Amino acid sequence: MAGATCPACGSTQLNALEGRTFACQNCGNRFDIGLCPACGSLVAEGLEACPACGRALTLLPQVISRHTNPRVPQWLADVRGRAEAIKITSAAASDARMQAFDDIDRKRVAHNHEQAAQRRGADRVVLGLSLAVSAGILLLCLILVLVFRTP
C-alpha cells in the first residue's frame, strides 16, 4: 500500500486484510487505514496527526491547535505571498488607464479648440455679411431720401 505506514513501527510493508484493515508484515500490528482530509494521504486510524502534512485528525488536537497555533490556509499564504506583485501589476494597470484618460482628455480639448476656432470664423463671416447688408440698407435709405427729398 503506497504512502501508508504502520503506526507502531513505521514500516511500509503492509498486507491488506478486509475492507480498510491492514496488517504490518514487520511487527504484526493490525490497524485501519483512512484518508487525511487535508492532503489525502493514507493514514492509520487513531493517529492524532497526519504524518505527511501534520494536520490534526482527532477533535482534541484540532481544538487545541486552533487556539495555540492558528494555521493560515495555504491558499491565503500563497495570495499573501503574491500581494506585492499584485499591487505592482495593479498600479501599472491603473497608470495605463490614467494615461489613456489623459490622452482622451487632450484630444477632447484639442477638438473643442478646433470647433471654437471654426465657430469664430463662421461668426466673423456672419458679422461681415450683417454689416454689409446693414450698410447696403443704410445707403439705400440715404439714396431714397436724396431722391425723394422735397425742395
Protein backbone atom coordinates (compact mmCIF):
# COMPACT_ATOMS: atom_id res chain seq x y z
CA MET A 1 0.00 0.00 0.00
CA ALA A 2 1.80 3.13 -1.24
CA GLY A 3 2.02 6.01 1.21
CA ALA A 4 0.72 4.16 4.27
CA THR A 5 2.95 3.25 7.21
CA CYS A 6 2.44 1.16 10.31
CA PRO A 7 1.61 3.41 13.28
CA ALA A 8 3.56 1.10 15.62
CA CYS A 9 6.87 0.59 13.78
CA GLY A 10 6.70 2.88 10.73
CA SER A 11 7.14 0.06 8.23
CA THR A 12 5.64 0.41 4.77
CA GLN A 13 5.33 -3.38 4.28
CA LEU A 14 1.60 -3.85 4.83
CA ASN A 15 -0.84 -6.62 3.95
CA ALA A 16 -4.45 -5.77 3.09
CA LEU A 17 -6.84 -7.92 5.10
CA GLU A 18 -10.51 -6.96 4.60
CA GLY A 19 -12.10 -3.58 3.96
CA ARG A 20 -9.81 -0.87 5.30
CA THR A 21 -7.94 -3.17 7.71
CA PHE A 22 -4.23 -3.82 7.19
CA ALA A 23 -1.57 -5.85 8.98
CA CYS A 24 2.11 -4.88 9.26
CA GLN A 25 4.49 -7.57 7.92
CA ASN A 26 7.24 -6.26 10.17
CA CYS A 27 5.56 -6.14 13.63
CA GLY A 28 2.16 -7.81 13.01
CA ASN A 29 0.17 -4.77 14.18
CA ARG A 30 -3.40 -4.59 12.76
CA PHE A 31 -4.97 -1.23 12.01
CA ASP A 32 -7.50 0.53 9.78
CA ILE A 33 -6.46 2.98 7.07
CA GLY A 34 -8.23 6.29 6.36
CA LEU A 35 -7.55 9.41 4.32
CA CYS A 36 -6.24 12.70 5.65
CA PRO A 37 -8.90 15.35 4.94
CA ALA A 38 -6.24 17.98 4.29
CA CYS A 39 -3.76 16.31 1.95
CA GLY A 40 -5.45 12.99 1.01
CA SER A 41 -2.58 10.83 2.28
CA LEU A 42 -3.31 7.36 3.65
CA VAL A 43 -3.13 7.40 7.45
CA ALA A 44 -3.73 4.80 10.12
CA GLU A 45 -6.96 5.22 12.06
CA GLY A 46 -6.41 6.56 15.55
CA LEU A 47 -3.42 8.76 14.76
CA GLU A 48 -3.73 12.26 16.16
CA ALA A 49 -1.94 13.94 13.24
CA CYS A 50 -1.26 13.16 9.60
CA PRO A 51 2.39 12.11 9.17
CA ALA A 52 2.50 13.75 5.71
CA CYS A 53 1.09 17.24 6.38
CA GLY A 54 0.78 17.41 10.19
CA ARG A 55 -2.93 18.23 10.25
CA ALA A 56 -4.72 17.17 13.43
CA LEU A 57 -7.01 14.22 12.73
CA THR A 58 -8.90 13.93 16.02
CA LEU A 59 -11.10 16.55 17.59
CA LEU A 60 -8.99 17.38 20.68
CA PRO A 61 -5.78 18.18 18.79
CA GLN A 62 -7.80 20.19 16.26
CA VAL A 63 -9.33 22.33 19.01
CA ILE A 64 -6.02 22.77 20.83
CA SER A 65 -4.09 23.60 17.65
CA ARG A 66 -6.67 26.22 16.64
CA HIS A 67 -6.23 28.07 19.90
CA THR A 68 -2.49 27.69 20.35
CA ASN A 69 -1.22 27.87 16.79
CA PRO A 70 -3.71 29.29 14.33
CA ARG A 71 -2.78 27.99 10.88
CA VAL A 72 -3.06 30.16 7.84
CA PRO A 73 -4.63 28.22 4.96
CA GLN A 74 -2.18 27.53 2.13
CA TRP A 75 -4.26 29.45 -0.43
CA LEU A 76 -4.19 32.52 1.84
CA ALA A 77 -0.45 32.23 2.37
CA ASP A 78 0.00 31.97 -1.42
CA VAL A 79 -2.13 35.06 -2.04
CA ARG A 80 -0.30 36.99 0.66
CA GLY A 81 2.96 35.97 -0.95
CA ARG A 82 1.78 37.34 -4.29
CA ALA A 83 0.32 40.52 -2.77
CA GLU A 84 3.29 42.75 -3.66
CA ALA A 85 3.31 41.53 -7.27
CA ILE A 86 -0.46 42.07 -7.45
CA LYS A 87 -0.02 45.61 -6.09
CA ILE A 88 2.67 46.38 -8.67
CA THR A 89 0.59 44.94 -11.52
CA SER A 90 -2.47 46.81 -10.31
CA ALA A 91 -0.55 50.10 -10.05
CA ALA A 92 0.85 49.64 -13.56
CA ALA A 93 -2.63 48.94 -14.93
CA SER A 94 -4.00 51.96 -13.09
CA ASP A 95 -1.25 54.16 -14.54
CA ALA A 96 -2.01 52.85 -18.04
CA ARG A 97 -5.73 53.61 -17.59
CA MET A 98 -4.91 57.10 -16.32
CA GLN A 99 -2.62 57.71 -19.31
CA ALA A 100 -5.44 56.61 -21.64
CA PHE A 101 -7.84 59.00 -19.88
CA ASP A 102 -5.30 61.84 -20.19
CA ASP A 103 -4.88 61.12 -23.92
CA ILE A 104 -8.65 61.14 -24.42
CA ASP A 105 -8.91 64.40 -22.47
CA ARG A 106 -6.14 66.04 -24.53
CA LYS A 107 -7.87 65.00 -27.76
CA ARG A 108 -11.20 66.33 -26.47
CA VAL A 109 -9.67 69.69 -25.53
CA ALA A 110 -7.93 69.96 -28.92
CA HIS A 111 -11.20 69.12 -30.69
CA ASN A 112 -13.08 71.72 -28.64
CA HIS A 113 -10.45 74.39 -29.56
CA GLU A 114 -10.75 73.45 -33.22
CA GLN A 115 -14.56 73.70 -33.11
CA ALA A 116 -14.36 77.05 -31.31
CA ALA A 117 -12.00 78.38 -33.99
CA GLN A 118 -14.41 77.20 -36.70
CA ARG A 119 -17.30 78.86 -34.86
CA ARG A 120 -15.33 82.14 -34.58
CA GLY A 121 -14.63 82.02 -38.32
CA ALA A 122 -18.29 81.38 -39.10
CA ASP A 123 -19.30 84.17 -36.71
CA ARG A 124 -16.93 86.58 -38.49
CA VAL A 125 -18.48 85.70 -41.85
CA VAL A 126 -21.99 86.24 -40.48
CA LEU A 127 -20.95 89.51 -38.85
CA GLY A 128 -19.32 90.70 -42.09
CA LEU A 129 -22.45 89.84 -44.07
CA SER A 130 -24.64 91.54 -41.49
CA LEU A 131 -22.53 94.69 -41.62
CA ALA A 132 -22.59 94.66 -45.45
CA VAL A 133 -26.37 94.22 -45.52
CA SER A 134 -26.80 96.95 -42.90
CA ALA A 135 -24.54 99.30 -44.84
CA GLY A 136 -26.46 98.49 -48.02
CA ILE A 137 -29.80 99.25 -46.37
CA LEU A 138 -28.43 102.49 -44.91
CA LEU A 139 -27.08 103.50 -48.29
CA LEU A 140 -30.40 102.67 -49.93
CA CYS A 141 -32.23 104.79 -47.34
CA LEU A 142 -29.89 107.72 -47.97
CA ILE A 143 -30.39 107.41 -51.71
CA LEU A 144 -34.14 107.33 -51.26
CA VAL A 145 -34.05 110.35 -49.01
CA LEU A 146 -31.93 112.27 -51.51
CA VAL A 147 -34.04 111.25 -54.49
CA PHE A 148 -37.42 111.91 -52.90
CA ARG A 149 -36.43 114.96 -50.98
CA THR A 150 -38.81 117.77 -51.48
CA PRO A 151 -37.27 121.15 -52.31
